[in-house]
Amino acid sequence: MTQNAIVDKLLSGGLARVKVERLSACGKSCASCGTGCADKHVITVEAENTIGAKPGDRVVIESSTKGVLGAALLVYILPILCFLAAYILSALGGVGDAGSILISIAAFCVGVAAVVLFNRFVRRDRDLRYTVIGLCSDT
């Protein structure tokens, strides 16, 4: 996955601190979707500066698609899998429909809690790696 960024500062070890403007799910027309996400969100990350970009340069950075897809799979699929597995197991165990539904909702909540904990771990660990791969052509 690639994104445009601006080099903020050069760091030791061939790294650069870059600022990335986060795009919303509605693209560039945030005001039209009415969710209130029209505010710009800028995050700062460290990226391998493979091209020797300097502060102020507009660059293209790349992140590992594997990490992004794995996180998306976890966030969207894990709670649903917990819900379905709990429902099937409780139904097979002879629990009535109402009990199966309650157990499933509890399992869904456990799945959501696991995702929240994972998110906190990833934010601290910053396992997602970025690499500066080129200068922006629209400078």
C-alpha atoms as a PDB file:
ATOM      1  CA  MET A   1       0.000   0.000   0.000  1.00  0.00           C
ATOM      2  CA  THR A   2       1.423   3.403  -0.952  1.00  0.00           C
ATOM      3  CA  GLN A   3       0.654   6.859   0.439  1.00  0.00           C
ATOM      4  CA  ASN A   4       1.942  10.368  -0.087  1.00  0.00           C
ATOM      5  CA  ALA A   5       3.875  11.964   2.768  1.00  0.00           C
ATOM      6  CA  ILE A   6       6.142  14.882   3.584  1.00  0.00           C
ATOM      7  CA  VAL A   7       9.582  14.327   5.085  1.00  0.00           C
ATOM      8  CA  ASP A   8       9.676  16.132   8.428  1.00  0.00           C
ATOM      9  CA  LYS A   9      13.105  15.244   9.788  1.00  0.00           C
ATOM     10  CA  LEU A  10      16.055  12.989   9.043  1.00  0.00           C
ATOM     11  CA  LEU A  11      16.852  10.438  11.746  1.00  0.00           C
ATOM     12  CA  SER A  12      19.854   8.228  12.375  1.00  0.00           C
ATOM     13  CA  GLY A  13      20.162   4.800  10.813  1.00  0.00           C
ATOM     14  CA  GLY A  14      18.844   5.805   7.393  1.00  0.00           C
ATOM     15  CA  LEU A  15      15.396   6.657   8.728  1.00  0.00           C
ATOM     16  CA  ALA A  16      13.210   9.692   8.148  1.00  0.00           C
ATOM     17  CA  ARG A  17      10.270  10.985  10.125  1.00  0.00           C
ATOM     18  CA  VAL A  18       7.424  11.590   7.690  1.00  0.00           C
ATOM     19  CA  LYS A  19       3.962  13.100   8.077  1.00  0.00           C
ATOM     20  CA  VAL A  20       1.116  11.297   6.366  1.00  0.00           C
ATOM     21  CA  GLU A  21      -2.334  12.760   5.851  1.00  0.00           C
ATOM     22  CA  ARG A  22      -4.781   9.974   6.606  1.00  0.00           C
ATOM     23  CA  LEU A  23      -7.553   9.635   4.051  1.00  0.00           C
ATOM     24  CA  SER A  24     -11.035   8.678   5.100  1.00  0.00           C
ATOM     25  CA  ALA A  25     -13.046   5.842   3.642  1.00  0.00           C
ATOM     26  CA  CYS A  26     -15.087   8.312   1.591  1.00  0.00           C
ATOM     27  CA  GLY A  27     -12.062   9.536  -0.360  1.00  0.00           C
ATOM     28  CA  LYS A  28     -11.710  13.253  -0.965  1.00  0.00           C
ATOM     29  CA  SER A  29     -15.396  14.139  -0.572  1.00  0.00           C
ATOM     30  CA  CYS A  30     -15.732  13.657   3.192  1.00  0.00           C
ATOM     31  CA  ALA A  31     -18.255  16.456   3.573  1.00  0.00           C
ATOM     32  CA  SER A  32     -20.709  14.613   1.331  1.00  0.00           C
ATOM     33  CA  CYS A  33     -20.919  11.482   3.475  1.00  0.00           C
ATOM     34  CA  GLY A  34     -22.095  13.321   6.594  1.00  0.00           C
ATOM     35  CA  THR A  35     -20.056  11.307   9.100  1.00  0.00           C
ATOM     36  CA  GLY A  36     -18.061  14.271  10.337  1.00  0.00           C
ATOM     37  CA  CYS A  37     -14.706  12.889   9.271  1.00  0.00           C
ATOM     38  CA  ALA A  38     -13.889  15.874   7.060  1.00  0.00           C
ATOM     39  CA  ASP A  39     -11.143  16.957   9.465  1.00  0.00           C
ATOM     40  CA  LYS A  40      -7.657  16.154   8.270  1.00  0.00           C
ATOM     41  CA  HIS A  41      -5.799  13.610  10.360  1.00  0.00           C
ATOM     42  CA  VAL A  42      -2.030  13.735  10.112  1.00  0.00           C
ATOM     43  CA  ILE A  43       0.069  10.969  11.598  1.00  0.00           C
ATOM     44  CA  THR A  44       3.826  10.872  11.986  1.00  0.00           C
ATOM     45  CA  VAL A  45       5.736   7.666  11.294  1.00  0.00           C
ATOM     46  CA  GLU A  46       9.309   6.590  10.771  1.00  0.00           C
ATOM     47  CA  ALA A  47      10.244   5.265   7.334  1.00  0.00           C
ATOM     48  CA  GLU A  48      13.371   3.821   5.788  1.00  0.00           C
ATOM     49  CA  ASN A  49      14.780   6.616   3.645  1.00  0.00           C
ATOM     50  CA  THR A  50      16.044   4.521   0.737  1.00  0.00           C
ATOM     51  CA  ILE A  51      16.179   7.434  -1.728  1.00  0.00           C
ATOM     52  CA  GLY A  52      17.898  10.016   0.481  1.00  0.00           C
ATOM     53  CA  ALA A  53      14.932  12.384   0.647  1.00  0.00           C
ATOM     54  CA  LYS A  54      15.440  15.636   2.533  1.00  0.00           C
ATOM     55  CA  PRO A  55      13.150  17.511   4.950  1.00  0.00           C
ATOM     56  CA  GLY A  56      10.294  19.189   3.083  1.00  0.00           C
ATOM     57  CA  ASP A  57      10.339  16.685   0.195  1.00  0.00           C
ATOM     58  CA  ARG A  58       6.974  15.257  -0.840  1.00  0.00           C
ATOM     59  CA  VAL A  59       7.514  11.507  -1.094  1.00  0.00           C
ATOM     60  CA  VAL A  60       5.690   8.257  -1.697  1.00  0.00           C
ATOM     61  CA  ILE A  61       5.940   5.756   1.136  1.00  0.00           C
ATOM     62  CA  GLU A  62       5.056   2.101   1.035  1.00  0.00           C
ATOM     63  CA  SER A  63       3.867  -0.112   3.843  1.00  0.00           C
ATOM     64  CA  SER A  64       3.639  -3.851   3.970  1.00  0.00           C
ATOM     65  CA  THR A  65       0.280  -4.938   2.549  1.00  0.00           C
ATOM     66  CA  LYS A  66       0.583  -8.182   4.492  1.00  0.00           C
ATOM     67  CA  GLY A  67       0.418  -6.364   7.828  1.00  0.00           C
ATOM     68  CA  VAL A  68      -2.496  -4.199   6.755  1.00  0.00           C
ATOM     69  CA  LEU A  69      -4.497  -7.119   5.383  1.00  0.00           C
ATOM     70  CA  GLY A  70      -3.775  -9.226   8.446  1.00  0.00           C
ATOM     71  CA  ALA A  71      -4.968  -6.449  10.750  1.00  0.00           C
ATOM     72  CA  ALA A  72      -8.097  -5.887   8.647  1.00  0.00           C
ATOM     73  CA  LEU A  73      -8.839  -9.604   8.705  1.00  0.00           C
ATOM     74  CA  LEU A  74      -8.488  -9.656  12.470  1.00  0.00           C
ATOM     75  CA  VAL A  75     -10.618  -6.559  13.054  1.00  0.00           C
ATOM     76  CA  TYR A  76     -13.494  -7.535  10.780  1.00  0.00           C
ATOM     77  CA  ILE A  77     -13.504 -11.323  10.923  1.00  0.00           C
ATOM     78  CA  LEU A  78     -12.507 -12.320  14.477  1.00  0.00           C
ATOM     79  CA  PRO A  79     -15.622 -11.000  16.265  1.00  0.00           C
ATOM     80  CA  ILE A  80     -17.900 -12.619  13.659  1.00  0.00           C
ATOM     81  CA  LEU A  81     -16.045 -15.930  13.901  1.00  0.00           C
ATOM     82  CA  CYS A  82     -16.346 -15.834  17.693  1.00  0.00           C
ATOM     83  CA  PHE A  83     -20.075 -15.188  17.369  1.00  0.00           C
ATOM     84  CA  LEU A  84     -20.659 -18.000  14.873  1.00  0.00           C
ATOM     85  CA  ALA A  85     -18.455 -20.535  16.663  1.00  0.00           C
ATOM     86  CA  ALA A  86     -20.155 -19.831  19.998  1.00  0.00           C
ATOM     87  CA  TYR A  87     -23.606 -20.163  18.458  1.00  0.00           C
ATOM     88  CA  ILE A  88     -22.804 -23.439  16.701  1.00  0.00           C
ATOM     89  CA  LEU A  89     -21.072 -24.973  19.732  1.00  0.00           C
ATOM     90  CA  SER A  90     -23.796 -23.925  22.147  1.00  0.00           C
ATOM     91  CA  ALA A  91     -26.537 -25.171  19.802  1.00  0.00           C
ATOM     92  CA  LEU A  92     -24.733 -28.499  19.418  1.00  0.00           C
ATOM     93  CA  GLY A  93     -24.342 -28.635  23.190  1.00  0.00           C
ATOM     94  CA  GLY A  94     -28.083 -28.597  23.652  1.00  0.00           C
ATOM     95  CA  VAL A  95     -28.459 -25.007  24.813  1.00  0.00           C
ATOM     96  CA  GLY A  96     -31.747 -23.488  23.655  1.00  0.00           C
ATOM     97  CA  ASP A  97     -32.036 -20.744  21.064  1.00  0.00           C
ATOM     98  CA  ALA A  98     -32.165 -17.921  23.609  1.00  0.00           C
ATOM     99  CA  GLY A  99     -29.135 -19.286  25.452  1.00  0.00           C
ATOM    100  CA  SER A 100     -27.207 -19.763  22.211  1.00  0.00           C
ATOM    101  CA  ILE A 101     -27.904 -16.185  21.210  1.00  0.00           C
ATOM    102  CA  LEU A 102     -26.790 -14.810  24.581  1.00  0.00           C
ATOM    103  CA  ILE A 103     -23.624 -16.914  24.538  1.00  0.00           C
ATOM    104  CA  SER A 104     -22.954 -15.784  20.956  1.00  0.00           C
ATOM    105  CA  ILE A 105     -23.334 -12.122  21.873  1.00  0.00           C
ATOM    106  CA  ALA A 106     -20.927 -12.617  24.777  1.00  0.00           C
ATOM    107  CA  ALA A 107     -18.438 -14.333  22.457  1.00  0.00           C
ATOM    108  CA  PHE A 108     -18.785 -11.460  19.964  1.00  0.00           C
ATOM    109  CA  CYS A 109     -17.948  -9.017  22.777  1.00  0.00           C
ATOM    110  CA  VAL A 110     -14.908 -11.121  23.682  1.00  0.00           C
ATOM    111  CA  GLY A 111     -13.819 -10.958  20.021  1.00  0.00           C
ATOM    112  CA  VAL A 112     -14.200  -7.170  19.999  1.00  0.00           C
ATOM    113  CA  ALA A 113     -12.228  -6.913  23.251  1.00  0.00           C
ATOM    114  CA  ALA A 114      -9.463  -9.048  21.721  1.00  0.00           C
ATOM    115  CA  VAL A 115      -9.329  -6.690  18.729  1.00  0.00           C
ATOM    116  CA  VAL A 116      -9.099  -3.650  21.027  1.00  0.00           C
ATOM    117  CA  LEU A 117      -6.233  -5.246  22.968  1.00  0.00           C
ATOM    118  CA  PHE A 118      -4.498  -6.166  19.713  1.00  0.00           C
ATOM    119  CA  ASN A 119      -4.849  -2.573  18.527  1.00  0.00           C
ATOM    120  CA  ARG A 120      -3.207  -1.271  21.688  1.00  0.00           C
ATOM    121  CA  PHE A 121      -0.361  -3.772  21.281  1.00  0.00           C
ATOM    122  CA  VAL A 122       0.217  -2.832  17.639  1.00  0.00           C
ATOM    123  CA  ARG A 123       0.235   0.892  18.442  1.00  0.00           C
ATOM    124  CA  ARG A 124       2.947   0.330  21.036  1.00  0.00           C
ATOM    125  CA  ASP A 125       4.927  -2.173  18.996  1.00  0.00           C
ATOM    126  CA  ARG A 126       4.668  -0.354  15.641  1.00  0.00           C
ATOM    127  CA  ASP A 127       5.363  -3.552  13.716  1.00  0.00           C
ATOM    128  CA  LEU A 128       4.139  -1.874  10.519  1.00  0.00           C
ATOM    129  CA  ARG A 129       7.203  -0.832   8.505  1.00  0.00           C
ATOM    130  CA  TYR A 130       7.298   2.045   6.028  1.00  0.00           C
ATOM    131  CA  THR A 131       9.770   2.692   3.218  1.00  0.00           C
ATOM    132  CA  VAL A 132      10.269   5.873   1.174  1.00  0.00           C
ATOM    133  CA  ILE A 133      10.166   4.625  -2.418  1.00  0.00           C
ATOM    134  CA  GLY A 134      10.163   7.831  -4.455  1.00  0.00           C
ATOM    135  CA  LEU A 135       9.501  11.514  -4.751  1.00  0.00           C
ATOM    136  CA  CYS A 136       5.971  12.694  -5.549  1.00  0.00           C
ATOM    137  CA  SER A 137       5.576  13.727  -9.147  1.00  0.00           C
ATOM    138  CA  ASP A 138       3.085  16.490  -8.239  1.00  0.00           C
ATOM    139  CA  THR A 139       5.624  18.759  -6.517  1.00  0.00           C
END
